[in-house]
Amino acid sequence: MRTNFSLAQLADPQLAEAEKNLRACVHCGICTATCPTYVLLGDERDSPRGRIVMMQRMLEEGGAPSPETVLHVDRCLSCLGCRTACPSSVDYARLVDQARAHIETHHRRPLDEQLTRWFIATVLTRPAIARAGITLAKIFTPIAKRLPGKLGAMALKAMTMRSGKSQAAIPETDSNAPRIALMPGCVQAALAPQIDEAAARVLARRGLSLTPLEGAGCCGALAHHLGRSAEAKAWARRAIAAFERGGDFEAVLISATGCAAHLQDYPHLFADEPEWKMRAAAFAARVKDFSLLASPRAANPPRRLRVAYQQACSLQNGLRLLGQGEALIAAAGHEVLAIPESHLCCGSAGSYSILQPEIAEALRERKLENIRSVKPDIVVSGNIGCMSHLSGEGGPPILHLAELLDWSEGGLAENSISR
């Protein structure tokens, strides 16, 4: 498609990359079948094709975006199913990222939305504060249930979240074992620290040693998808510096696929900063998803399970890893069940379930209906967002892939699969 950016606008590397993707789009509409909001709502403005038209107009004109554009860009889950389906290789991520940054800079949101977004970027990215907030929400359940709008959605989400640590010890590894840097993350560290413990035991059995990446924190994905570019870069610099201080690592692991996809995208954050772009590329090249590090291993689980494997959008469309998780589950002695409409997002999408609770809940129920149709014993995912969104009322038992493998290999108690 034709564009009308000025030379001054195209001097911005981020905008230049967005313009390149706009020109690649031929408006064929193949992307619409993979877009959860279009499938759910049937509104062309809630399809990738419709959003691209609005984003182009907004970015070319500059200045304050229209309320219509803000509404429909906000409704995008960034699941990137459209990117995977696109025959013209349009990298929709570059477009929507630039659009969100523009909206954050040029649009003034109502006070309640500002507070909600501040809470997501400031509280949820710091595990100690997030744990305290979750505890308070559970203590004041009667009040929390009555909170309106997005505040109520946040409180209800907190009330369904579980946390706790497993009791099994982590096996010792050889002092010469390859070192894997473990990014601590944020939300998962607050909700489910037992996932990283399980991952450490699984990898130790494969001769790999997990070493916490001291000084790193949140990956920055939450801030990035809110359009808060400066905050996202600050988290990224912190992670990269911690990696460089840590010595020689074989790989970098963060055991949430949504975070891993963002870590691999770090070089794009620094398109306008050549030195940091080079350092980000060196860091991103070492990022490996858990499913790549945990090689298939035969196990004798306490019992064979029918496992519905929830492939997070970040795994399918961000990391673009298909088949790895299924191979690990099958090797561990379980039956892998394919979930119908597995390409459609469950509605979690980072902070989306807080910011767009009605759409997120509709997508959750659609996903749960598809899961129930295959009658699994348990659901397994590699992403804390999917796990927390699908759990709770009406949700099935759900574990992280690392937890299932650990249980199958004798690392966790029998009751761990019924949490």
Protein backbone atom coordinates (compact mmCIF):
# COMPACT_ATOMS: atom_id res chain seq x y z
CA MET A 1 0.00 0.00 0.00
CA ARG A 2 1.12 3.59 -0.61
CA THR A 3 2.36 5.77 2.22
CA ASN A 4 2.86 9.52 2.62
CA PHE A 5 5.47 9.94 5.35
CA SER A 6 7.81 12.91 5.20
CA LEU A 7 11.58 12.48 5.00
CA ALA A 8 11.82 13.94 8.50
CA GLN A 9 9.45 11.27 9.82
CA LEU A 10 11.39 8.48 8.13
CA ALA A 11 14.58 9.64 9.83
CA ASP A 12 13.17 7.91 12.93
CA PRO A 13 14.33 4.24 12.64
CA GLN A 14 11.25 2.95 14.47
CA LEU A 15 8.88 4.84 12.20
CA ALA A 16 10.88 3.84 9.13
CA GLU A 17 10.46 0.18 10.04
CA ALA A 18 6.73 0.68 10.56
CA GLU A 19 6.47 2.39 7.15
CA LYS A 20 8.24 -0.55 5.50
CA ASN A 21 5.62 -2.92 6.90
CA LEU A 22 2.77 -0.65 5.87
CA ARG A 23 4.00 -0.73 2.28
CA ALA A 24 4.19 -4.53 2.37
CA CYS A 25 0.51 -4.92 3.26
CA VAL A 26 -1.74 -5.70 0.26
CA HIS A 27 -5.01 -5.80 2.27
CA CYS A 28 -5.72 -9.38 1.18
CA GLY A 29 -7.63 -10.10 4.41
CA ILE A 30 -6.09 -13.51 5.13
CA CYS A 31 -5.15 -12.17 8.57
CA THR A 32 -8.78 -11.66 9.60
CA ALA A 33 -9.41 -15.39 10.16
CA THR A 34 -6.57 -15.53 12.69
CA CYS A 35 -7.53 -12.37 14.62
CA PRO A 36 -9.39 -13.17 17.87
CA THR A 37 -11.11 -9.79 18.13
CA TYR A 38 -12.37 -9.92 14.55
CA VAL A 39 -13.56 -13.52 14.96
CA LEU A 40 -15.31 -12.52 18.18
CA LEU A 41 -16.69 -9.08 17.26
CA GLY A 42 -16.93 -9.17 13.46
CA ASP A 43 -15.88 -5.50 13.16
CA GLU A 44 -13.41 -4.70 10.37
CA ARG A 45 -11.86 -2.04 12.62
CA ASP A 46 -10.99 -4.85 15.05
CA SER A 47 -9.09 -6.79 12.39
CA PRO A 48 -5.40 -6.35 11.55
CA ARG A 49 -6.34 -4.95 8.15
CA GLY A 50 -8.67 -2.36 9.64
CA ARG A 51 -6.21 -1.38 12.35
CA ILE A 52 -3.43 -0.98 9.79
CA VAL A 53 -5.47 1.63 7.92
CA MET A 54 -6.12 3.57 11.14
CA MET A 55 -2.52 3.27 12.35
CA GLN A 56 -1.17 4.50 9.01
CA ARG A 57 -3.39 7.58 9.11
CA MET A 58 -2.45 8.31 12.71
CA LEU A 59 1.30 7.92 12.19
CA GLU A 60 1.35 9.95 8.97
CA GLU A 61 -0.68 12.82 10.41
CA GLY A 62 1.10 12.84 13.78
CA GLY A 63 -0.43 14.60 16.76
CA ALA A 64 -3.37 13.41 18.83
CA PRO A 65 -5.03 10.21 17.57
CA SER A 66 -8.79 9.94 17.13
CA PRO A 67 -10.83 8.23 19.87
CA GLU A 68 -11.80 5.58 17.30
CA THR A 69 -8.16 4.73 16.60
CA VAL A 70 -7.30 4.52 20.30
CA LEU A 71 -10.28 2.24 20.98
CA HIS A 72 -9.45 -0.28 18.28
CA VAL A 73 -5.67 -0.28 18.77
CA ASP A 74 -6.29 -0.83 22.50
CA ARG A 75 -8.45 -3.84 21.64
CA CYS A 76 -5.56 -5.56 19.82
CA LEU A 77 -4.17 -8.46 21.88
CA SER A 78 -0.76 -8.45 20.14
CA CYS A 79 -1.18 -12.22 19.75
CA LEU A 80 0.47 -11.80 16.32
CA GLY A 81 -1.54 -14.57 14.70
CA CYS A 82 -1.82 -12.16 11.77
CA ARG A 83 1.97 -12.02 11.43
CA THR A 84 2.20 -15.80 11.19
CA ALA A 85 -0.62 -15.99 8.63
CA CYS A 86 0.46 -13.05 6.44
CA PRO A 87 1.60 -14.13 2.92
CA SER A 88 3.33 -10.76 2.45
CA SER A 89 5.43 -11.12 5.63
CA VAL A 90 4.06 -7.95 7.19
CA ASP A 91 5.57 -7.69 10.67
CA TYR A 92 2.47 -6.38 12.43
CA ALA A 93 4.35 -6.21 15.73
CA ARG A 94 6.44 -3.30 14.48
CA LEU A 95 3.30 -1.41 13.49
CA VAL A 96 1.28 -1.88 16.64
CA ASP A 97 4.30 -1.21 18.88
CA GLN A 98 4.91 2.12 17.15
CA ALA A 99 1.20 2.95 17.28
CA ARG A 100 1.02 2.29 21.02
CA ALA A 101 4.07 4.43 21.69
CA HIS A 102 2.49 7.23 19.65
CA ILE A 103 -0.80 6.96 21.55
CA GLU A 104 0.99 6.97 24.89
CA THR A 105 2.79 10.18 23.94
CA HIS A 106 -0.02 12.06 22.19
CA HIS A 107 -3.25 10.92 23.85
CA ARG A 108 -4.52 11.84 27.32
CA ARG A 109 -6.49 9.01 28.89
CA PRO A 110 -9.15 9.34 31.62
CA LEU A 111 -7.76 9.31 35.15
CA ASP A 112 -8.97 5.79 35.99
CA GLU A 113 -7.23 4.39 32.91
CA GLN A 114 -4.05 6.27 33.79
CA LEU A 115 -4.11 4.78 37.29
CA THR A 116 -4.73 1.27 35.98
CA ARG A 117 -1.86 1.49 33.53
CA TRP A 118 0.41 2.96 36.20
CA PHE A 119 -0.49 0.04 38.48
CA ILE A 120 0.36 -2.51 35.78
CA ALA A 121 3.68 -0.88 34.89
CA THR A 122 4.76 -0.05 38.44
CA VAL A 123 3.27 -2.65 40.79
CA LEU A 124 2.98 -5.84 38.72
CA THR A 125 6.59 -5.50 37.56
CA ARG A 126 7.88 -5.68 41.14
CA PRO A 127 7.22 -9.12 42.70
CA ALA A 128 7.38 -8.09 46.37
CA ILE A 129 4.83 -5.30 45.86
CA ALA A 130 2.68 -7.51 43.63
CA ARG A 131 2.56 -10.25 46.29
CA ALA A 132 1.42 -7.72 48.88
CA GLY A 133 -1.29 -6.45 46.52
CA ILE A 134 -2.57 -9.96 45.85
CA THR A 135 -2.71 -10.69 49.58
CA LEU A 136 -4.69 -7.51 50.24
CA ALA A 137 -7.14 -8.31 47.44
CA LYS A 138 -7.81 -11.72 48.95
CA ILE A 139 -8.23 -10.32 52.47
CA PHE A 140 -10.75 -7.72 51.31
CA THR A 141 -12.62 -10.04 48.92
CA PRO A 142 -16.15 -8.66 49.70
CA ILE A 143 -15.02 -5.12 48.86
CA ALA A 144 -12.89 -6.15 45.88
CA LYS A 145 -15.82 -7.93 44.22
CA ARG A 146 -17.77 -4.67 44.16
CA LEU A 147 -15.11 -2.51 42.53
CA PRO A 148 -16.23 -1.22 39.11
CA GLY A 149 -14.65 -1.61 35.69
CA LYS A 150 -10.94 -2.27 35.35
CA LEU A 151 -10.32 -1.94 39.10
CA GLY A 152 -12.78 -4.77 39.68
CA ALA A 153 -11.14 -6.84 36.95
CA MET A 154 -7.76 -6.40 38.64
CA ALA A 155 -9.16 -7.39 42.04
CA LEU A 156 -10.97 -10.44 40.70
CA LYS A 157 -7.83 -11.53 38.87
CA ALA A 158 -5.80 -11.23 42.07
CA MET A 159 -8.33 -13.32 44.01
CA THR A 160 -7.96 -16.26 41.60
CA MET A 161 -4.16 -16.20 41.60
CA ARG A 162 -2.29 -18.90 43.50
CA SER A 163 1.21 -18.90 44.82
CA GLY A 164 3.49 -21.19 46.75
CA LYS A 165 6.75 -23.06 46.61
CA SER A 166 7.37 -26.76 46.13
CA GLN A 167 9.35 -28.71 48.68
CA ALA A 168 11.53 -30.91 46.48
CA ALA A 169 15.25 -30.19 46.47
CA ILE A 170 17.15 -29.21 43.33
CA PRO A 171 19.72 -31.87 42.37
CA GLU A 172 23.35 -30.84 42.37
CA THR A 173 25.09 -30.52 39.02
CA ASP A 174 28.70 -30.91 38.07
CA SER A 175 30.77 -27.79 38.66
CA ASN A 176 31.63 -27.81 34.96
CA ALA A 177 27.99 -28.04 33.86
CA PRO A 178 26.88 -25.48 31.27
CA ARG A 179 25.54 -22.38 33.04
CA ILE A 180 22.10 -21.09 32.14
CA ALA A 181 21.23 -17.56 33.27
CA LEU A 182 17.78 -17.47 34.85
CA MET A 183 15.86 -14.21 34.46
CA PRO A 184 13.67 -13.78 37.57
CA GLY A 185 10.84 -11.96 35.80
CA CYS A 186 8.06 -10.27 37.73
CA VAL A 187 4.47 -11.57 37.71
CA GLN A 188 5.48 -15.22 37.69
CA ALA A 189 7.92 -14.64 40.54
CA ALA A 190 5.01 -13.29 42.59
CA LEU A 191 2.36 -15.83 41.56
CA ALA A 192 4.20 -19.08 41.01
CA PRO A 193 7.84 -19.21 42.15
CA GLN A 194 7.56 -23.00 42.13
CA ILE A 195 7.73 -22.96 38.31
CA ASP A 196 11.38 -21.89 38.25
CA GLU A 197 12.16 -24.45 40.97
CA ALA A 198 10.64 -27.17 38.79
CA ALA A 199 12.55 -25.89 35.76
CA ALA A 200 15.80 -26.00 37.74
CA ARG A 201 15.23 -29.65 38.72
CA VAL A 202 14.27 -30.67 35.17
CA LEU A 203 17.36 -29.01 33.68
CA ALA A 204 19.65 -30.34 36.42
CA ARG A 205 18.67 -33.87 35.39
CA ARG A 206 19.87 -32.93 31.92
CA GLY A 207 23.21 -31.64 33.16
CA LEU A 208 22.39 -27.93 33.04
CA SER A 209 22.89 -25.52 35.93
CA LEU A 210 20.53 -22.56 36.43
CA THR A 211 22.18 -19.41 37.78
CA PRO A 212 19.95 -16.47 38.81
CA LEU A 213 20.77 -13.38 36.77
CA GLU A 214 21.60 -11.02 39.63
CA GLY A 215 20.42 -7.47 39.13
CA ALA A 216 17.88 -8.27 36.41
CA GLY A 217 14.18 -7.86 37.05
CA CYS A 218 11.11 -7.59 34.84
CA CYS A 219 11.73 -8.21 31.14
CA GLY A 220 9.86 -4.99 30.31
CA ALA A 221 7.11 -6.56 28.20
CA LEU A 222 4.29 -5.08 30.29
CA ALA A 223 5.61 -1.54 29.89
CA HIS A 224 6.38 -2.11 26.21
CA HIS A 225 2.86 -3.22 25.33
CA LEU A 226 1.47 -0.21 27.17
CA GLY A 227 3.50 2.03 24.85
CA ARG A 228 5.80 3.13 27.70
CA SER A 229 8.98 2.92 25.63
CA ALA A 230 11.35 4.60 28.09
CA GLU A 231 10.38 2.20 30.88
CA ALA A 232 10.65 -0.81 28.58
CA LYS A 233 14.15 0.27 27.57
CA ALA A 234 15.16 0.80 31.19
CA TRP A 235 14.17 -2.79 32.09
CA ALA A 236 15.97 -4.08 29.00
CA ARG A 237 19.20 -2.21 29.83
CA ARG A 238 19.07 -3.62 33.34
CA ALA A 239 18.74 -7.19 32.04
CA ILE A 240 21.47 -6.79 29.42
CA ALA A 241 23.90 -5.28 31.94
CA ALA A 242 23.21 -8.12 34.39
CA PHE A 243 23.90 -10.65 31.65
CA GLU A 244 27.17 -8.98 30.71
CA ARG A 245 28.31 -8.92 34.36
CA GLY A 246 27.46 -12.56 34.92
CA GLY A 247 30.25 -14.12 32.91
CA ASP A 248 29.95 -16.85 30.31
CA PHE A 249 26.42 -18.24 30.01
CA GLU A 250 25.38 -20.97 27.61
CA ALA A 251 21.89 -19.51 27.38
CA VAL A 252 19.39 -17.16 29.00
CA LEU A 253 16.13 -18.62 30.28
CA ILE A 254 12.93 -16.99 31.41
CA SER A 255 10.30 -19.65 31.93
CA ALA A 256 7.35 -17.67 30.53
CA THR A 257 7.03 -17.73 26.76
CA GLY A 258 5.56 -14.22 26.64
CA CYS A 259 8.66 -12.85 28.35
CA ALA A 260 11.02 -14.98 26.25
CA ALA A 261 9.49 -13.63 23.04
CA HIS A 262 10.02 -10.08 24.29
CA LEU A 263 13.64 -10.79 25.27
CA GLN A 264 14.35 -11.99 21.73
CA ASP A 265 12.83 -8.75 20.47
CA TYR A 266 15.22 -6.52 22.44
CA PRO A 267 17.26 -5.36 19.41
CA HIS A 268 14.13 -3.68 17.99
CA LEU A 269 13.77 -1.61 21.15
CA PHE A 270 17.12 0.01 20.44
CA ALA A 271 16.81 0.64 16.71
CA ASP A 272 17.76 4.29 17.39
CA GLU A 273 20.69 3.47 19.72
CA PRO A 274 23.43 1.59 17.78
CA GLU A 275 25.57 0.66 20.82
CA TRP A 276 22.67 -0.72 22.82
CA LYS A 277 21.24 -2.41 19.74
CA MET A 278 24.48 -4.38 19.36
CA ARG A 279 24.49 -5.35 23.05
CA ALA A 280 20.80 -6.27 22.87
CA ALA A 281 21.45 -8.51 19.86
CA ALA A 282 24.21 -10.38 21.73
CA PHE A 283 21.84 -10.89 24.65
CA ALA A 284 18.86 -11.92 22.50
CA ALA A 285 20.96 -14.50 20.66
CA ARG A 286 21.39 -16.43 23.94
CA VAL A 287 17.69 -16.45 24.89
CA LYS A 288 16.24 -19.96 24.78
CA ASP A 289 12.76 -21.12 25.65
CA PHE A 290 12.46 -23.81 28.31
CA SER A 291 11.11 -26.26 25.72
CA LEU A 292 14.40 -26.00 23.78
CA LEU A 293 16.61 -26.52 26.83
CA ALA A 294 14.67 -29.47 28.29
CA SER A 295 15.46 -32.28 25.86
CA PRO A 296 12.88 -35.11 25.64
CA ARG A 297 13.43 -37.70 28.34
CA ALA A 298 11.58 -40.95 28.97
CA ALA A 299 9.84 -41.01 32.34
CA ASN A 300 7.65 -43.30 34.40
CA PRO A 301 5.02 -40.92 35.78
CA PRO A 302 2.79 -41.92 38.72
CA ARG A 303 -0.02 -42.14 36.17
CA ARG A 304 -0.50 -41.44 32.50
CA LEU A 305 -2.46 -38.25 31.86
CA ARG A 306 -4.52 -36.90 29.01
CA VAL A 307 -2.85 -33.51 28.55
CA ALA A 308 -4.39 -30.57 26.69
CA TYR A 309 -1.43 -28.48 25.63
CA GLN A 310 -2.22 -24.76 25.53
CA GLN A 311 0.27 -23.24 23.10
CA ALA A 312 0.56 -19.59 24.08
CA CYS A 313 0.43 -17.05 21.25
CA SER A 314 3.92 -15.95 22.25
CA LEU A 315 5.13 -19.50 21.60
CA GLN A 316 3.34 -19.89 18.27
CA ASN A 317 3.72 -16.41 16.80
CA GLY A 318 6.52 -14.79 18.81
CA LEU A 319 9.10 -17.55 19.34
CA ARG A 320 7.58 -19.57 16.48
CA LEU A 321 8.24 -22.87 18.20
CA LEU A 322 5.82 -25.64 17.31
CA GLY A 323 6.07 -29.28 18.37
CA GLN A 324 8.68 -28.85 21.11
CA GLY A 325 6.28 -28.96 24.05
CA GLU A 326 4.25 -31.81 22.61
CA ALA A 327 7.41 -33.90 22.13
CA LEU A 328 8.45 -33.32 25.76
CA ILE A 329 5.01 -34.26 27.10
CA ALA A 330 4.80 -37.40 24.97
CA ALA A 331 8.32 -38.49 25.92
CA ALA A 332 7.36 -38.11 29.59
CA GLY A 333 4.67 -40.75 29.10
CA HIS A 334 1.48 -38.74 28.56
CA GLU A 335 -1.12 -38.45 25.81
CA VAL A 336 -1.10 -35.07 24.11
CA LEU A 337 -4.48 -33.67 23.09
CA ALA A 338 -4.87 -30.98 20.42
CA ILE A 339 -7.13 -28.12 21.52
CA PRO A 340 -9.57 -27.00 18.78
CA GLU A 341 -8.97 -23.42 17.56
CA SER A 342 -5.53 -23.57 19.13
CA HIS A 343 -4.48 -20.59 17.00
CA LEU A 344 -6.90 -18.24 18.79
CA CYS A 345 -5.68 -16.36 21.87
CA CYS A 346 -7.14 -17.30 25.27
CA GLY A 347 -7.56 -13.60 26.11
CA SER A 348 -4.74 -13.21 28.64
CA ALA A 349 -2.22 -11.31 26.48
CA GLY A 350 -0.17 -9.83 29.31
CA SER A 351 -2.21 -7.06 30.90
CA TYR A 352 -5.03 -7.34 28.33
CA SER A 353 -7.29 -9.30 30.70
CA ILE A 354 -7.16 -6.29 33.05
CA LEU A 355 -7.48 -3.57 30.42
CA GLN A 356 -10.13 -5.27 28.27
CA PRO A 357 -11.93 -7.59 30.73
CA GLU A 358 -15.12 -8.15 28.68
CA ILE A 359 -13.31 -9.29 25.52
CA ALA A 360 -10.76 -11.23 27.56
CA GLU A 361 -13.49 -13.11 29.43
CA ALA A 362 -15.32 -13.97 26.19
CA LEU A 363 -12.09 -15.36 24.71
CA ARG A 364 -11.39 -17.26 27.95
CA GLU A 365 -14.77 -18.97 27.85
CA ARG A 366 -14.29 -19.84 24.18
CA LYS A 367 -10.89 -21.37 24.96
CA LEU A 368 -12.27 -23.29 27.98
CA GLU A 369 -15.12 -24.66 25.88
CA ASN A 370 -12.61 -25.95 23.35
CA ILE A 371 -10.48 -27.44 26.13
CA ARG A 372 -13.46 -29.18 27.73
CA SER A 373 -14.38 -30.70 24.37
CA VAL A 374 -11.27 -32.93 24.42
CA LYS A 375 -11.87 -34.06 28.04
CA PRO A 376 -8.33 -33.65 29.42
CA ASP A 377 -7.10 -34.66 32.87
CA ILE A 378 -5.02 -31.49 32.98
CA VAL A 379 -4.01 -28.47 30.91
CA VAL A 380 -0.35 -27.59 30.41
CA SER A 381 1.13 -24.31 29.19
CA GLY A 382 4.50 -22.62 29.09
CA ASN A 383 3.19 -19.15 29.90
CA ILE A 384 2.09 -17.77 33.27
CA GLY A 385 -0.37 -15.42 31.58
CA CYS A 386 -2.38 -18.27 30.04
CA MET A 387 -2.17 -20.22 33.29
CA SER A 388 -3.51 -17.46 35.52
CA HIS A 389 -6.19 -16.43 33.00
CA LEU A 390 -7.56 -19.94 32.45
CA SER A 391 -7.44 -21.00 36.10
CA GLY A 392 -10.06 -20.08 38.67
CA GLU A 393 -13.81 -20.54 38.42
CA GLY A 394 -14.75 -22.93 35.61
CA GLY A 395 -11.12 -23.58 34.78
CA PRO A 396 -9.42 -26.99 34.70
CA PRO A 397 -6.31 -28.01 36.67
CA ILE A 398 -3.38 -26.35 34.95
CA LEU A 399 0.39 -26.69 35.28
CA HIS A 400 3.45 -25.21 33.67
CA LEU A 401 5.29 -27.54 31.29
CA ALA A 402 8.25 -27.61 33.69
CA GLU A 403 5.99 -28.68 36.57
CA LEU A 404 4.48 -31.55 34.56
CA LEU A 405 7.91 -32.82 33.49
CA ASP A 406 9.22 -32.54 37.04
CA TRP A 407 6.23 -34.47 38.43
CA SER A 408 6.59 -37.11 35.72
CA GLU A 409 10.28 -37.54 36.56
CA GLY A 410 9.66 -37.93 40.30
CA GLY A 411 10.37 -34.40 41.46
CA LEU A 412 6.99 -33.40 42.87
CA ALA A 413 4.30 -34.99 45.02
CA GLU A 414 1.20 -36.62 43.49
CA ASN A 415 -1.09 -33.82 44.71
CA SER A 416 0.82 -31.25 42.68
CA ILE A 417 -1.24 -31.99 39.56
CA SER A 418 -4.55 -31.07 41.22
CA ARG A 419 -3.71 -27.53 42.31
